[in-house]
């Protein structure tokens, strides 16, 4: 039972840790204190507004979190109910509070929740420096905060240079970006945007090297697999040729053994008087040769042999 309680406690703490890490990805991204010609609410009114940005690529629901412009909440002696009473809660009846990765949420200030799900009661005095704080749902943990300069010009905003960046700046009316990603100038080129996002070129260097090494890795994998396939085929071909050669040697050896076991026998026929047939064949061949050379017998049916004196002739 104790182990079960311990495991449950660890799971709860893990979930709370993940939740806390998700809340840290929500940032105050842009604030406008003097809205006279910028966006309007559902009632066609120009109200001060604040933009939240989810700088991560995961979804997080900000409902139940708090926004306040009252610096009294920074007093650690206040109890949680006292601190929450000085804050404006983000309503939970708005689907847009479930912020996906890299998404934005616009909330109107100096308003009443009864006017809409994106209206909160946080007060704004455009003539004074405005501190804005974003608190977690427990009303204790400060997630993000910013101090907006006093006496901002009409329809200008105080915004991060880009979503989640640490650097803030006053943006002119033609560069205000409510509900979308921040940028410096509306007409900035792609080159200028790259220079702004990656001033030292580290990002583009890493990206380029990553692409090159990825291509090299793919080529290495391809040629390694291809080489192994060709090597395997070559080994099979060599083994097949070796087997064929061995079979030919075995066949030749078997044939040689057969010849030694059963040698060829030459059978010579003999006539009744014991003379070989080859003798008659030779005599007939000689007679035909002499006939062809115009040497004729003197008498029919008798072979004439002319005598010839040699050193072997008998006396």
C-alpha atoms as a PDB file:
ATOM      1  CA  UNK A   1       0.000   0.000   0.000  1.00  0.00           C
ATOM      2  CA  UNK A   2       2.842   2.359   0.845  1.00  0.00           C
ATOM      3  CA  UNK A   3       4.479   1.596  -2.490  1.00  0.00           C
ATOM      4  CA  UNK A   4       1.227   2.389  -4.296  1.00  0.00           C
ATOM      5  CA  UNK A   5       0.943   5.742  -2.502  1.00  0.00           C
ATOM      6  CA  UNK A   6       4.562   6.534  -3.311  1.00  0.00           C
ATOM      7  CA  UNK A   7       4.047   5.689  -6.995  1.00  0.00           C
ATOM      8  CA  UNK A   8       0.884   7.812  -7.100  1.00  0.00           C
ATOM      9  CA  UNK A   9       2.711  10.752  -5.527  1.00  0.00           C
ATOM     10  CA  UNK A  10       5.517  10.485  -8.054  1.00  0.00           C
ATOM     11  CA  UNK A  11       3.045  10.414 -10.936  1.00  0.00           C
ATOM     12  CA  UNK A  12       1.239  13.483  -9.599  1.00  0.00           C
ATOM     13  CA  UNK A  13       4.500  15.355  -9.134  1.00  0.00           C
ATOM     14  CA  UNK A  14       5.563  14.383 -12.659  1.00  0.00           C
ATOM     15  CA  UNK A  15       2.292  15.655 -14.114  1.00  0.00           C
ATOM     16  CA  UNK A  16       2.604  18.912 -12.168  1.00  0.00           C
ATOM     17  CA  UNK A  17       6.173  19.320 -13.400  1.00  0.00           C
ATOM     18  CA  UNK A  18       5.128  18.806 -17.028  1.00  0.00           C
ATOM     19  CA  UNK A  19       2.240  21.227 -16.537  1.00  0.00           C
ATOM     20  CA  UNK A  20       4.573  23.818 -15.050  1.00  0.00           C
ATOM     21  CA  UNK A  21       6.999  23.446 -17.912  1.00  0.00           C
ATOM     22  CA  UNK A  22       4.130  23.908 -20.381  1.00  0.00           C
ATOM     23  CA  UNK A  23       3.007  27.102 -18.612  1.00  0.00           C
ATOM     24  CA  UNK A  24       6.533  28.514 -18.946  1.00  0.00           C
ATOM     25  CA  UNK A  25       6.101  28.411 -22.717  1.00  0.00           C
ATOM     26  CA  UNK A  26       3.309  30.985 -22.538  1.00  0.00           C
ATOM     27  CA  UNK A  27       4.712  34.503 -22.924  1.00  0.00           C
ATOM     28  CA  UNK A  28       3.360  38.033 -22.886  1.00  0.00           C
ATOM     29  CA  UNK A  29       4.201  38.943 -26.466  1.00  0.00           C
ATOM     30  CA  UNK A  30       2.737  42.375 -27.230  1.00  0.00           C
ATOM     31  CA  UNK A  31       0.783  45.100 -25.394  1.00  0.00           C
ATOM     32  CA  UNK A  32      -1.097  48.168 -26.672  1.00  0.00           C
ATOM     33  CA  UNK A  33      -2.235  50.780 -24.133  1.00  0.00           C
ATOM     34  CA  UNK A  34      -3.604  53.467 -26.531  1.00  0.00           C
ATOM     35  CA  UNK A  35      -5.881  51.896 -29.097  1.00  0.00           C
ATOM     36  CA  UNK A  36      -7.726  54.444 -31.204  1.00  0.00           C
ATOM     37  CA  UNK A  37      -7.510  53.021 -34.715  1.00  0.00           C
ATOM     38  CA  UNK A  38      -6.271  49.471 -34.254  1.00  0.00           C
ATOM     39  CA  UNK A  39      -8.429  46.350 -33.856  1.00  0.00           C
ATOM     40  CA  UNK A  40     -11.934  46.512 -32.373  1.00  0.00           C
ATOM     41  CA  UNK A  41     -13.898  44.134 -30.165  1.00  0.00           C
ATOM     42  CA  UNK A  42     -17.330  42.572 -30.760  1.00  0.00           C
ATOM     43  CA  UNK A  43     -18.965  45.930 -30.023  1.00  0.00           C
ATOM     44  CA  UNK A  44     -16.762  47.849 -32.458  1.00  0.00           C
ATOM     45  CA  UNK A  45     -14.908  49.507 -29.573  1.00  0.00           C
ATOM     46  CA  UNK A  46     -11.192  50.236 -29.394  1.00  0.00           C
ATOM     47  CA  UNK A  47      -9.794  48.820 -26.177  1.00  0.00           C
ATOM     48  CA  UNK A  48      -6.280  48.263 -24.837  1.00  0.00           C
ATOM     49  CA  UNK A  49      -5.170  44.713 -25.456  1.00  0.00           C
ATOM     50  CA  UNK A  50      -2.533  42.156 -24.559  1.00  0.00           C
ATOM     51  CA  UNK A  51      -1.266  39.299 -26.713  1.00  0.00           C
ATOM     52  CA  UNK A  52      -0.113  35.960 -25.325  1.00  0.00           C
ATOM     53  CA  UNK A  53       2.068  33.622 -27.405  1.00  0.00           C
ATOM     54  CA  UNK A  54       2.760  29.909 -27.077  1.00  0.00           C
ATOM     55  CA  UNK A  55       6.420  29.776 -28.067  1.00  0.00           C
ATOM     56  CA  UNK A  56       6.551  25.954 -28.013  1.00  0.00           C
ATOM     57  CA  UNK A  57       5.301  23.432 -30.570  1.00  0.00           C
ATOM     58  CA  UNK A  58       2.943  21.711 -28.124  1.00  0.00           C
ATOM     59  CA  UNK A  59      -0.619  22.613 -27.163  1.00  0.00           C
ATOM     60  CA  UNK A  60      -1.312  24.240 -23.792  1.00  0.00           C
ATOM     61  CA  UNK A  61      -4.597  25.496 -22.324  1.00  0.00           C
ATOM     62  CA  UNK A  62      -4.226  28.868 -20.561  1.00  0.00           C
ATOM     63  CA  UNK A  63      -7.726  28.867 -19.064  1.00  0.00           C
ATOM     64  CA  UNK A  64      -7.631  29.447 -15.328  1.00  0.00           C
ATOM     65  CA  UNK A  65      -4.375  31.434 -15.534  1.00  0.00           C
ATOM     66  CA  UNK A  66      -4.375  35.034 -14.279  1.00  0.00           C
ATOM     67  CA  UNK A  67      -3.422  38.422 -15.726  1.00  0.00           C
ATOM     68  CA  UNK A  68      -2.972  41.461 -13.548  1.00  0.00           C
ATOM     69  CA  UNK A  69      -1.691  45.043 -13.774  1.00  0.00           C
ATOM     70  CA  UNK A  70      -1.650  45.545  -9.999  1.00  0.00           C
ATOM     71  CA  UNK A  71       1.884  45.428  -8.587  1.00  0.00           C
ATOM     72  CA  UNK A  72       0.455  44.759  -5.118  1.00  0.00           C
ATOM     73  CA  UNK A  73       0.298  41.049  -6.002  1.00  0.00           C
ATOM     74  CA  UNK A  74       4.095  40.957  -5.728  1.00  0.00           C
ATOM     75  CA  UNK A  75       3.789  41.302  -1.967  1.00  0.00           C
ATOM     76  CA  UNK A  76       4.663  37.836  -0.675  1.00  0.00           C
ATOM     77  CA  UNK A  77       2.793  38.485   2.572  1.00  0.00           C
ATOM     78  CA  UNK A  78      -0.520  38.393   0.748  1.00  0.00           C
ATOM     79  CA  UNK A  79      -2.510  35.205   1.011  1.00  0.00           C
ATOM     80  CA  UNK A  80      -3.538  33.394  -2.152  1.00  0.00           C
ATOM     81  CA  UNK A  81      -7.177  34.601  -1.981  1.00  0.00           C
ATOM     82  CA  UNK A  82      -5.995  38.183  -1.445  1.00  0.00           C
ATOM     83  CA  UNK A  83      -3.631  37.938  -4.394  1.00  0.00           C
ATOM     84  CA  UNK A  84      -6.219  36.321  -6.671  1.00  0.00           C
ATOM     85  CA  UNK A  85      -8.719  39.061  -5.843  1.00  0.00           C
ATOM     86  CA  UNK A  86      -6.380  41.565  -7.512  1.00  0.00           C
ATOM     87  CA  UNK A  87      -6.116  39.487 -10.700  1.00  0.00           C
ATOM     88  CA  UNK A  88      -8.260  38.817 -13.746  1.00  0.00           C
ATOM     89  CA  UNK A  89      -8.822  35.151 -14.603  1.00  0.00           C
ATOM     90  CA  UNK A  90      -8.658  33.920 -18.189  1.00  0.00           C
ATOM     91  CA  UNK A  91     -12.124  32.408 -18.834  1.00  0.00           C
ATOM     92  CA  UNK A  92     -12.555  28.705 -19.502  1.00  0.00           C
ATOM     93  CA  UNK A  93     -15.502  29.033 -21.913  1.00  0.00           C
ATOM     94  CA  UNK A  94     -13.338  30.070 -24.869  1.00  0.00           C
ATOM     95  CA  UNK A  95     -11.910  27.490 -27.290  1.00  0.00           C
ATOM     96  CA  UNK A  96      -9.095  29.842 -28.252  1.00  0.00           C
ATOM     97  CA  UNK A  97      -7.592  29.467 -24.782  1.00  0.00           C
ATOM     98  CA  UNK A  98      -6.458  25.983 -25.870  1.00  0.00           C
ATOM     99  CA  UNK A  99      -3.380  27.385 -27.596  1.00  0.00           C
ATOM    100  CA  UNK A 100      -1.624  25.185 -30.120  1.00  0.00           C
ATOM    101  CA  UNK A 101       2.078  25.395 -30.886  1.00  0.00           C
ATOM    102  CA  UNK A 102       3.202  28.858 -32.058  1.00  0.00           C
ATOM    103  CA  UNK A 103      -0.332  30.241 -31.677  1.00  0.00           C
ATOM    104  CA  UNK A 104      -1.465  33.559 -30.168  1.00  0.00           C
ATOM    105  CA  UNK A 105      -4.328  34.720 -27.964  1.00  0.00           C
ATOM    106  CA  UNK A 106      -5.579  38.319 -27.823  1.00  0.00           C
ATOM    107  CA  UNK A 107      -7.295  39.620 -24.653  1.00  0.00           C
ATOM    108  CA  UNK A 108      -8.972  43.001 -24.227  1.00  0.00           C
ATOM    109  CA  UNK A 109      -8.129  45.021 -21.084  1.00  0.00           C
ATOM    110  CA  UNK A 110     -10.175  47.687 -19.246  1.00  0.00           C
ATOM    111  CA  UNK A 111     -13.280  45.662 -19.945  1.00  0.00           C
ATOM    112  CA  UNK A 112     -15.813  43.296 -18.410  1.00  0.00           C
ATOM    113  CA  UNK A 113     -16.030  39.494 -18.856  1.00  0.00           C
ATOM    114  CA  UNK A 114     -19.730  39.912 -19.575  1.00  0.00           C
ATOM    115  CA  UNK A 115     -18.843  41.558 -22.891  1.00  0.00           C
ATOM    116  CA  UNK A 116     -17.090  38.461 -24.204  1.00  0.00           C
ATOM    117  CA  UNK A 117     -14.868  35.517 -23.401  1.00  0.00           C
ATOM    118  CA  UNK A 118     -11.731  37.468 -24.359  1.00  0.00           C
ATOM    119  CA  UNK A 119     -12.499  40.460 -22.119  1.00  0.00           C
ATOM    120  CA  UNK A 120     -10.840  40.825 -18.707  1.00  0.00           C
ATOM    121  CA  UNK A 121     -10.970  43.498 -15.993  1.00  0.00           C
ATOM    122  CA  UNK A 122      -7.243  44.300 -15.740  1.00  0.00           C
ATOM    123  CA  UNK A 123      -6.961  48.100 -15.585  1.00  0.00           C
ATOM    124  CA  UNK A 124      -4.769  50.231 -17.860  1.00  0.00           C
ATOM    125  CA  UNK A 125      -3.578  53.805 -17.324  1.00  0.00           C
ATOM    126  CA  UNK A 126      -1.837  54.839 -20.529  1.00  0.00           C
ATOM    127  CA  UNK A 127      -0.225  57.856 -18.862  1.00  0.00           C
ATOM    128  CA  UNK A 128       1.664  55.719 -16.325  1.00  0.00           C
ATOM    129  CA  UNK A 129       4.177  52.919 -16.725  1.00  0.00           C
ATOM    130  CA  UNK A 130       2.136  49.744 -16.934  1.00  0.00           C
ATOM    131  CA  UNK A 131       3.309  46.539 -15.272  1.00  0.00           C
ATOM    132  CA  UNK A 132       1.591  43.411 -16.595  1.00  0.00           C
ATOM    133  CA  UNK A 133       1.988  40.005 -14.956  1.00  0.00           C
ATOM    134  CA  UNK A 134       0.926  36.543 -16.067  1.00  0.00           C
ATOM    135  CA  UNK A 135       0.373  34.090 -13.190  1.00  0.00           C
ATOM    136  CA  UNK A 136      -0.176  30.354 -13.191  1.00  0.00           C
ATOM    137  CA  UNK A 137      -3.538  28.891 -12.178  1.00  0.00           C
ATOM    138  CA  UNK A 138      -2.436  28.566  -8.547  1.00  0.00           C
ATOM    139  CA  UNK A 139      -2.268  32.363  -8.270  1.00  0.00           C
ATOM    140  CA  UNK A 140       1.272  32.156  -6.870  1.00  0.00           C
ATOM    141  CA  UNK A 141       3.753  31.339  -9.645  1.00  0.00           C
ATOM    142  CA  UNK A 142       4.657  34.306 -11.851  1.00  0.00           C
ATOM    143  CA  UNK A 143       5.027  32.961 -15.395  1.00  0.00           C
ATOM    144  CA  UNK A 144       5.945  36.169 -17.247  1.00  0.00           C
ATOM    145  CA  UNK A 145       5.824  39.946 -16.803  1.00  0.00           C
ATOM    146  CA  UNK A 146       6.689  43.161 -18.604  1.00  0.00           C
ATOM    147  CA  UNK A 147       6.655  46.891 -17.860  1.00  0.00           C
ATOM    148  CA  UNK A 148       5.246  49.023 -20.670  1.00  0.00           C
ATOM    149  CA  UNK A 149       6.673  52.568 -20.928  1.00  0.00           C
ATOM    150  CA  UNK A 150       4.390  55.470 -20.033  1.00  0.00           C
ATOM    151  CA  UNK A 151       2.755  57.792 -22.562  1.00  0.00           C
ATOM    152  CA  UNK A 152       2.952  55.485 -25.551  1.00  0.00           C
ATOM    153  CA  UNK A 153       1.835  57.054 -28.817  1.00  0.00           C
ATOM    154  CA  UNK A 154      -1.551  56.122 -30.158  1.00  0.00           C
ATOM    155  CA  UNK A 155      -1.804  52.750 -31.880  1.00  0.00           C
ATOM    156  CA  UNK A 156       1.805  51.863 -31.124  1.00  0.00           C
ATOM    157  CA  UNK A 157       2.618  48.729 -29.191  1.00  0.00           C
ATOM    158  CA  UNK A 158       5.310  47.448 -26.898  1.00  0.00           C
ATOM    159  CA  UNK A 159       6.382  44.059 -28.216  1.00  0.00           C
ATOM    160  CA  UNK A 160       9.135  41.530 -28.354  1.00  0.00           C
ATOM    161  CA  UNK A 161      11.322  41.707 -31.449  1.00  0.00           C
ATOM    162  CA  UNK A 162      10.123  38.202 -32.243  1.00  0.00           C
ATOM    163  CA  UNK A 163       7.964  35.669 -30.419  1.00  0.00           C
ATOM    164  CA  UNK A 164       9.545  34.740 -27.102  1.00  0.00           C
ATOM    165  CA  UNK A 165      12.612  36.988 -27.566  1.00  0.00           C
ATOM    166  CA  UNK A 166      14.099  38.785 -24.560  1.00  0.00           C
ATOM    167  CA  UNK A 167      14.401  42.122 -26.377  1.00  0.00           C
ATOM    168  CA  UNK A 168      11.402  44.472 -26.361  1.00  0.00           C
ATOM    169  CA  UNK A 169      10.811  47.572 -28.468  1.00  0.00           C
ATOM    170  CA  UNK A 170       8.170  50.150 -29.322  1.00  0.00           C
ATOM    171  CA  UNK A 171       6.590  49.213 -32.637  1.00  0.00           C
ATOM    172  CA  UNK A 172       5.042  51.856 -34.900  1.00  0.00           C
ATOM    173  CA  UNK A 173       1.417  51.651 -35.944  1.00  0.00           C
ATOM    174  CA  UNK A 174       2.269  50.072 -39.309  1.00  0.00           C
ATOM    175  CA  UNK A 175       4.267  47.296 -37.622  1.00  0.00           C
ATOM    176  CA  UNK A 176       1.789  46.250 -34.920  1.00  0.00           C
ATOM    177  CA  UNK A 177       0.879  42.554 -35.190  1.00  0.00           C
ATOM    178  CA  UNK A 178      -2.076  41.615 -32.965  1.00  0.00           C
ATOM    179  CA  UNK A 179      -2.774  37.893 -33.045  1.00  0.00           C
ATOM    180  CA  UNK A 180       0.137  36.986 -35.350  1.00  0.00           C
ATOM    181  CA  UNK A 181       3.898  36.498 -35.133  1.00  0.00           C
ATOM    182  CA  UNK A 182       5.939  39.589 -34.305  1.00  0.00           C
ATOM    183  CA  UNK A 183       8.298  41.158 -36.813  1.00  0.00           C
ATOM    184  CA  UNK A 184      10.159  44.473 -37.041  1.00  0.00           C
ATOM    185  CA  UNK A 185       8.945  45.951 -40.302  1.00  0.00           C
ATOM    186  CA  UNK A 186       6.067  44.990 -42.517  1.00  0.00           C
ATOM    187  CA  UNK A 187       8.199  45.290 -45.644  1.00  0.00           C
ATOM    188  CA  UNK A 188      11.291  43.524 -44.348  1.00  0.00           C
ATOM    189  CA  UNK A 189      12.832  41.139 -46.837  1.00  0.00           C
ATOM    190  CA  UNK A 190      13.682  37.507 -46.323  1.00  0.00           C
ATOM    191  CA  UNK A 191      17.366  38.450 -46.047  1.00  0.00           C
ATOM    192  CA  UNK A 192      16.573  41.039 -43.389  1.00  0.00           C
ATOM    193  CA  UNK A 193      14.442  38.535 -41.508  1.00  0.00           C
ATOM    194  CA  UNK A 194      17.274  35.976 -41.567  1.00  0.00           C
ATOM    195  CA  UNK A 195      19.734  38.611 -40.366  1.00  0.00           C
ATOM    196  CA  UNK A 196      17.346  39.519 -37.560  1.00  0.00           C
ATOM    197  CA  UNK A 197      16.629  35.956 -36.492  1.00  0.00           C
ATOM    198  CA  UNK A 198      20.214  34.760 -36.926  1.00  0.00           C
ATOM    199  CA  UNK A 199      22.541  37.773 -36.655  1.00  0.00           C
ATOM    200  CA  UNK A 200      25.721  35.704 -36.235  1.00  0.00           C
ATOM    201  CA  UNK A 201      24.893  33.104 -38.849  1.00  0.00           C
ATOM    202  CA  UNK A 202      25.063  30.185 -36.451  1.00  0.00           C
ATOM    203  CA  UNK A 203      21.626  28.880 -37.379  1.00  0.00           C
ATOM    204  CA  UNK A 204      22.165  28.919 -41.142  1.00  0.00           C
ATOM    205  CA  UNK A 205      25.618  27.334 -40.637  1.00  0.00           C
ATOM    206  CA  UNK A 206      24.233  24.496 -38.545  1.00  0.00           C
ATOM    207  CA  UNK A 207      21.371  24.020 -41.016  1.00  0.00           C
ATOM    208  CA  UNK A 208      23.719  23.913 -44.010  1.00  0.00           C
ATOM    209  CA  UNK A 209      26.140  21.521 -42.332  1.00  0.00           C
ATOM    210  CA  UNK A 210      23.224  19.375 -41.221  1.00  0.00           C
ATOM    211  CA  UNK A 211      21.945  19.114 -44.794  1.00  0.00           C
ATOM    212  CA  UNK A 212      25.411  18.296 -46.155  1.00  0.00           C
ATOM    213  CA  UNK A 213      26.138  15.644 -43.527  1.00  0.00           C
ATOM    214  CA  UNK A 214      22.654  14.187 -43.944  1.00  0.00           C
ATOM    215  CA  UNK A 215      23.226  13.812 -47.684  1.00  0.00           C
ATOM    216  CA  UNK A 216      26.643  12.261 -47.078  1.00  0.00           C
ATOM    217  CA  UNK A 217      25.139   9.865 -44.550  1.00  0.00           C
ATOM    218  CA  UNK A 218      22.448   8.836 -47.047  1.00  0.00           C
ATOM    219  CA  UNK A 219      25.075   8.297 -49.754  1.00  0.00           C
ATOM    220  CA  UNK A 220      27.189   6.225 -47.355  1.00  0.00           C
ATOM    221  CA  UNK A 221      24.178   4.073 -46.446  1.00  0.00           C
ATOM    222  CA  UNK A 222      23.226   3.630 -50.116  1.00  0.00           C
ATOM    223  CA  UNK A 223      26.700   2.636 -51.300  1.00  0.00           C
ATOM    224  CA  UNK A 224      27.263   0.409 -48.267  1.00  0.00           C
ATOM    225  CA  UNK A 225      24.082  -1.544 -48.969  1.00  0.00           C
ATOM    226  CA  UNK A 226      24.776  -1.577 -52.714  1.00  0.00           C
ATOM    227  CA  UNK A 227      28.348  -2.800 -52.127  1.00  0.00           C
ATOM    228  CA  UNK A 228      27.181  -5.582 -49.849  1.00  0.00           C
ATOM    229  CA  UNK A 229      24.596  -6.714 -52.411  1.00  0.00           C
ATOM    230  CA  UNK A 230      27.168  -6.762 -55.232  1.00  0.00           C
ATOM    231  CA  UNK A 231      29.721  -8.525 -53.016  1.00  0.00           C
ATOM    232  CA  UNK A 232      27.146 -11.167 -52.127  1.00  0.00           C
ATOM    233  CA  UNK A 233      26.277 -11.705 -55.788  1.00  0.00           C
ATOM    234  CA  UNK A 234      29.984 -11.951 -56.671  1.00  0.00           C
ATOM    235  CA  UNK A 235      30.539 -14.548 -53.952  1.00  0.00           C
ATOM    236  CA  UNK A 236      27.578 -16.564 -55.199  1.00  0.00           C
ATOM    237  CA  UNK A 237      28.883 -16.387 -58.759  1.00  0.00           C
ATOM    238  CA  UNK A 238      32.371 -17.467 -57.665  1.00  0.00           C
ATOM    239  CA  UNK A 239      30.936 -20.324 -55.583  1.00  0.00           C
ATOM    240  CA  UNK A 240      28.805 -21.479 -58.547  1.00  0.00           C
ATOM    241  CA  UNK A 241      31.831 -21.471 -60.866  1.00  0.00           C
ATOM    242  CA  UNK A 242      33.859 -23.346 -58.268  1.00  0.00           C
ATOM    243  CA  UNK A 243      31.135 -25.980 -57.916  1.00  0.00           C
ATOM    244  CA  UNK A 244      30.913 -26.415 -61.722  1.00  0.00           C
ATOM    245  CA  UNK A 245      34.704 -26.789 -61.952  1.00  0.00           C
ATOM    246  CA  UNK A 246      34.691 -29.350 -59.160  1.00  0.00           C
ATOM    247  CA  UNK A 247      31.892 -31.289 -60.878  1.00  0.00           C
ATOM    248  CA  UNK A 248      33.887 -31.361 -64.146  1.00  0.00           C
ATOM    249  CA  UNK A 249      36.962 -32.673 -62.299  1.00  0.00           C
ATOM    250  CA  UNK A 250      34.889 -35.362 -60.584  1.00  0.00           C
ATOM    251  CA  UNK A 251      33.312 -36.388 -63.919  1.00  0.00           C
ATOM    252  CA  UNK A 252      36.767 -36.626 -65.567  1.00  0.00           C
ATOM    253  CA  UNK A 253      38.081 -38.679 -62.673  1.00  0.00           C
ATOM    254  CA  UNK A 254      35.127 -41.052 -62.919  1.00  0.00           C
ATOM    255  CA  UNK A 255      35.621 -41.439 -66.657  1.00  0.00           C
ATOM    256  CA  UNK A 256      39.325 -42.188 -66.159  1.00  0.00           C
ATOM    257  CA  UNK A 257      38.487 -44.769 -63.528  1.00  0.00           C
ATOM    258  CA  UNK A 258      36.014 -46.419 -65.928  1.00  0.00           C
ATOM    259  CA  UNK A 259      38.666 -46.634 -68.628  1.00  0.00           C
ATOM    260  CA  UNK A 260      41.132 -48.213 -66.210  1.00  0.00           C
ATOM    261  CA  UNK A 261      38.525 -50.707 -65.028  1.00  0.00           C
ATOM    262  CA  UNK A 262      37.398 -51.628 -68.549  1.00  0.00           C
ATOM    263  CA  UNK A 263      40.375 -51.203 -70.960  1.00  0.00           C
ATOM    264  CA  UNK A 264      39.710 -51.187 -74.709  1.00  0.00           C
ATOM    265  CA  UNK A 265      40.201 -54.606 -76.320  1.00  0.00           C
ATOM    266  CA  UNK A 266      41.266 -54.864 -79.970  1.00  0.00           C
ATOM    267  CA  UNK A 267      39.832 -57.940 -81.597  1.00  0.00           C
ATOM    268  CA  UNK A 268      41.517 -59.114 -84.780  1.00  0.00           C
ATOM    269  CA  UNK A 269      39.677 -61.579 -86.978  1.00  0.00           C
ATOM    270  CA  UNK A 270      41.635 -64.429 -88.443  1.00  0.00           C
ATOM    271  CA  UNK A 271      40.825 -66.618 -91.451  1.00  0.00           C
ATOM    272  CA  UNK A 272      40.668 -70.401 -91.444  1.00  0.00           C
ATOM    273  CA  UNK A 273      44.371 -70.778 -92.359  1.00  0.00           C
ATOM    274  CA  UNK A 274      45.427 -68.456 -89.559  1.00  0.00           C
ATOM    275  CA  UNK A 275      46.160 -65.373 -91.678  1.00  0.00           C
ATOM    276  CA  UNK A 276      44.995 -62.031 -90.354  1.00  0.00           C
ATOM    277  CA  UNK A 277      42.437 -60.078 -92.353  1.00  0.00           C
ATOM    278  CA  UNK A 278      44.768 -57.097 -92.267  1.00  0.00           C
ATOM    279  CA  UNK A 279      47.192 -58.940 -94.533  1.00  0.00           C
ATOM    280  CA  UNK A 280      44.576 -59.413 -97.216  1.00  0.00           C
ATOM    281  CA  UNK A 281      43.494 -55.831 -96.909  1.00  0.00           C
ATOM    282  CA  UNK A 282      47.094 -54.700 -97.380  1.00  0.00           C
ATOM    283  CA  UNK A 283      47.610 -56.907-100.446  1.00  0.00           C
ATOM    284  CA  UNK A 284      44.419 -55.741-102.093  1.00  0.00           C
ATOM    285  CA  UNK A 285      45.301 -52.115-101.356  1.00  0.00           C
ATOM    286  CA  UNK A 286      48.740 -52.615-102.931  1.00  0.00           C
ATOM    287  CA  UNK A 287      47.193 -54.215-106.017  1.00  0.00           C
ATOM    288  CA  UNK A 288      44.772 -51.360-106.438  1.00  0.00           C
ATOM    289  CA  UNK A 289      47.611 -48.891-106.048  1.00  0.00           C
ATOM    290  CA  UNK A 290      49.636 -50.618-108.776  1.00  0.00           C
ATOM    291  CA  UNK A 291      46.580 -50.791-111.007  1.00  0.00           C
ATOM    292  CA  UNK A 292      46.029 -47.098-110.601  1.00  0.00           C
ATOM    293  CA  UNK A 293      49.700 -46.562-111.477  1.00  0.00           C
ATOM    294  CA  UNK A 294      49.264 -48.515-114.797  1.00  0.00           C
ATOM    295  CA  UNK A 295      51.110 -51.624-113.675  1.00  0.00           C
ATOM    296  CA  UNK A 296      49.092 -54.541-115.126  1.00  0.00           C
ATOM    297  CA  UNK A 297      49.414 -58.235-114.691  1.00  0.00           C
ATOM    298  CA  UNK A 298      50.688 -60.236-117.717  1.00  0.00           C
ATOM    299  CA  UNK A 299      47.964 -62.801-117.385  1.00  0.00           C
ATOM    300  CA  UNK A 300      44.461 -62.530-116.226  1.00  0.00           C
ATOM    301  CA  UNK A 301      43.900 -63.920-112.770  1.00  0.00           C
ATOM    302  CA  UNK A 302      47.646 -64.122-112.031  1.00  0.00           C
ATOM    303  CA  UNK A 303      49.589 -61.504-110.170  1.00  0.00           C
ATOM    304  CA  UNK A 304      52.867 -60.839-111.929  1.00  0.00           C
ATOM    305  CA  UNK A 305      55.764 -59.770-109.755  1.00  0.00           C
ATOM    306  CA  UNK A 306      58.858 -58.609-111.684  1.00  0.00           C
ATOM    307  CA  UNK A 307      62.185 -59.709-110.162  1.00  0.00           C
ATOM    308  CA  UNK A 308      64.611 -57.035-109.029  1.00  0.00           C
ATOM    309  CA  UNK A 309      68.252 -57.498-108.192  1.00  0.00           C
ATOM    310  CA  UNK A 310      69.310 -56.301-104.749  1.00  0.00           C
ATOM    311  CA  UNK A 311      72.209 -57.041-102.521  1.00  0.00           C
ATOM    312  CA  UNK A 312      70.005 -59.472-100.713  1.00  0.00           C
ATOM    313  CA  UNK A 313      69.262 -61.503-103.883  1.00  0.00           C
ATOM    314  CA  UNK A 314      70.314 -65.117-103.569  1.00  0.00           C
ATOM    315  CA  UNK A 315      72.852 -66.490-106.010  1.00  0.00           C
END
